[in-house]
Amino acid sequence: MTVARWQGTTTQRGLGYTHQAHKKKLLAALRPGQPCPRCGEPMWPHQPLDRDHTTPRALGGKDSRGVLSHAHCNRSAGARLGNRLRGLRGQQQPRRAWQPGPSRNW
């Protein structure tokens, strides 16, 4: 059972022992000033950092590979993806890309 990120324990949200252990390893290996993979700004140990999934959880990403990123960058990216997916849920057919029609010579 997966619940919203603001509800339940970390295990109930799918962020159990393996996720937390991997984050600890990533934090131990963090080089101060290392660039964030999302924004490129330096990451420092005193900043809030998240373990960022290389494949988003919303798209089936599991605890395989991950990197550290700023908490704000990771959560903003997740919110953007969630909003895009939410918008696609109600559509019956995928939207077609715009294609130019026949030219009209007036």
Protein backbone atom coordinates (compact mmCIF):
# COMPACT_ATOMS: atom_id res chain seq x y z
CA MET A 1 0.00 0.00 0.00
CA THR A 2 1.42 3.38 -0.99
CA VAL A 3 0.14 6.54 0.69
CA ALA A 4 0.69 10.22 0.09
CA ARG A 5 4.05 11.61 1.20
CA TRP A 6 2.50 13.59 4.07
CA GLN A 7 0.69 10.55 5.48
CA GLY A 8 1.98 7.41 7.14
CA THR A 9 5.42 6.22 8.09
CA THR A 10 8.40 6.16 5.75
CA THR A 11 7.90 2.43 5.23
CA GLN A 12 4.23 2.93 4.31
CA ARG A 13 5.28 5.58 1.79
CA GLY A 14 7.70 3.13 0.17
CA LEU A 15 10.80 4.68 1.74
CA GLY A 16 11.75 1.84 4.04
CA TYR A 17 15.02 0.49 5.36
CA THR A 18 16.84 0.08 2.04
CA HIS A 19 16.01 3.64 0.98
CA GLN A 20 17.15 5.10 4.29
CA ALA A 21 20.34 2.99 4.40
CA HIS A 22 21.25 4.07 0.87
CA LYS A 23 20.68 7.74 1.79
CA LYS A 24 23.06 7.32 4.77
CA LYS A 25 25.73 5.90 2.46
CA LEU A 26 25.25 8.75 -0.01
CA LEU A 27 25.49 11.34 2.79
CA ALA A 28 28.71 9.73 4.08
CA ALA A 29 30.22 9.88 0.58
CA LEU A 30 29.11 13.48 -0.08
CA ARG A 31 31.94 15.81 -1.03
CA PRO A 32 31.09 19.28 0.34
CA GLY A 33 30.31 21.59 -2.56
CA GLN A 34 29.41 18.73 -4.90
CA PRO A 35 26.87 20.03 -7.49
CA CYS A 36 23.20 19.09 -7.23
CA PRO A 37 22.19 16.98 -10.26
CA ARG A 38 18.95 18.96 -10.58
CA CYS A 39 20.03 22.61 -10.25
CA GLY A 40 23.84 22.50 -10.43
CA GLU A 41 24.26 24.53 -7.23
CA PRO A 42 26.68 23.20 -4.57
CA MET A 43 25.36 20.83 -1.89
CA TRP A 44 26.60 21.17 1.69
CA PRO A 45 26.15 18.71 4.58
CA HIS A 46 24.15 21.25 6.65
CA GLN A 47 21.51 21.64 3.91
CA PRO A 48 18.39 19.48 3.71
CA LEU A 49 19.25 16.79 1.14
CA ASP A 50 17.08 14.00 -0.26
CA ARG A 51 17.91 10.73 -1.93
CA ASP A 52 16.68 11.37 -5.44
CA HIS A 53 15.52 8.41 -7.53
CA THR A 54 17.10 8.27 -10.98
CA THR A 55 13.78 6.91 -12.29
CA PRO A 56 10.91 8.71 -10.50
CA ARG A 57 8.80 6.55 -8.20
CA ALA A 58 5.68 7.74 -10.03
CA LEU A 59 7.08 6.10 -13.17
CA GLY A 60 7.97 2.82 -11.47
CA GLY A 61 11.38 3.72 -9.98
CA LYS A 62 12.50 1.49 -7.15
CA ASP A 63 15.37 1.54 -4.64
CA SER A 64 17.97 0.61 -7.25
CA ARG A 65 20.12 3.64 -8.07
CA GLY A 66 19.82 7.05 -6.54
CA VAL A 67 21.71 10.27 -6.01
CA LEU A 68 21.63 13.07 -3.49
CA SER A 69 19.97 16.35 -4.42
CA HIS A 70 18.65 19.38 -2.58
CA ALA A 71 15.36 18.53 -0.87
CA HIS A 72 13.68 21.51 -2.57
CA CYS A 73 14.92 20.49 -6.03
CA ASN A 74 13.84 16.86 -5.59
CA ARG A 75 10.40 17.69 -4.21
CA SER A 76 9.75 20.41 -6.79
CA ALA A 77 10.60 17.98 -9.59
CA GLY A 78 8.26 15.39 -8.06
CA ALA A 79 5.45 17.93 -7.80
CA ARG A 80 5.92 19.01 -11.44
CA LEU A 81 5.83 15.39 -12.59
CA GLY A 82 2.77 14.65 -10.44
CA ASN A 83 0.93 17.65 -11.86
CA ARG A 84 1.73 16.58 -15.42
CA LEU A 85 0.58 13.02 -14.75
CA ARG A 86 -2.57 14.26 -13.03
CA GLY A 87 -3.41 16.34 -16.10
CA LEU A 88 -2.97 13.31 -18.37
CA ARG A 89 -5.20 11.06 -16.26
CA GLY A 90 -8.46 12.58 -17.48
CA GLN A 91 -7.58 12.50 -21.17
CA GLN A 92 -8.93 9.67 -23.28
CA GLN A 93 -6.40 9.98 -26.09
CA PRO A 94 -2.86 11.26 -26.02
CA ARG A 95 -2.47 14.78 -27.34
CA ARG A 96 -0.95 15.02 -30.79
CA ALA A 97 1.86 17.41 -31.44
CA TRP A 98 0.93 20.42 -33.53
CA GLN A 99 1.55 19.93 -37.20
CA PRO A 100 1.30 22.65 -39.81
CA GLY A 101 -1.72 22.36 -42.09
CA PRO A 102 -1.75 22.98 -45.81
CA SER A 103 -0.41 26.40 -46.71
CA ARG A 104 -2.92 28.91 -47.93
CA ASN A 105 -1.96 31.33 -50.61
CA TRP A 106 -4.36 34.24 -50.44
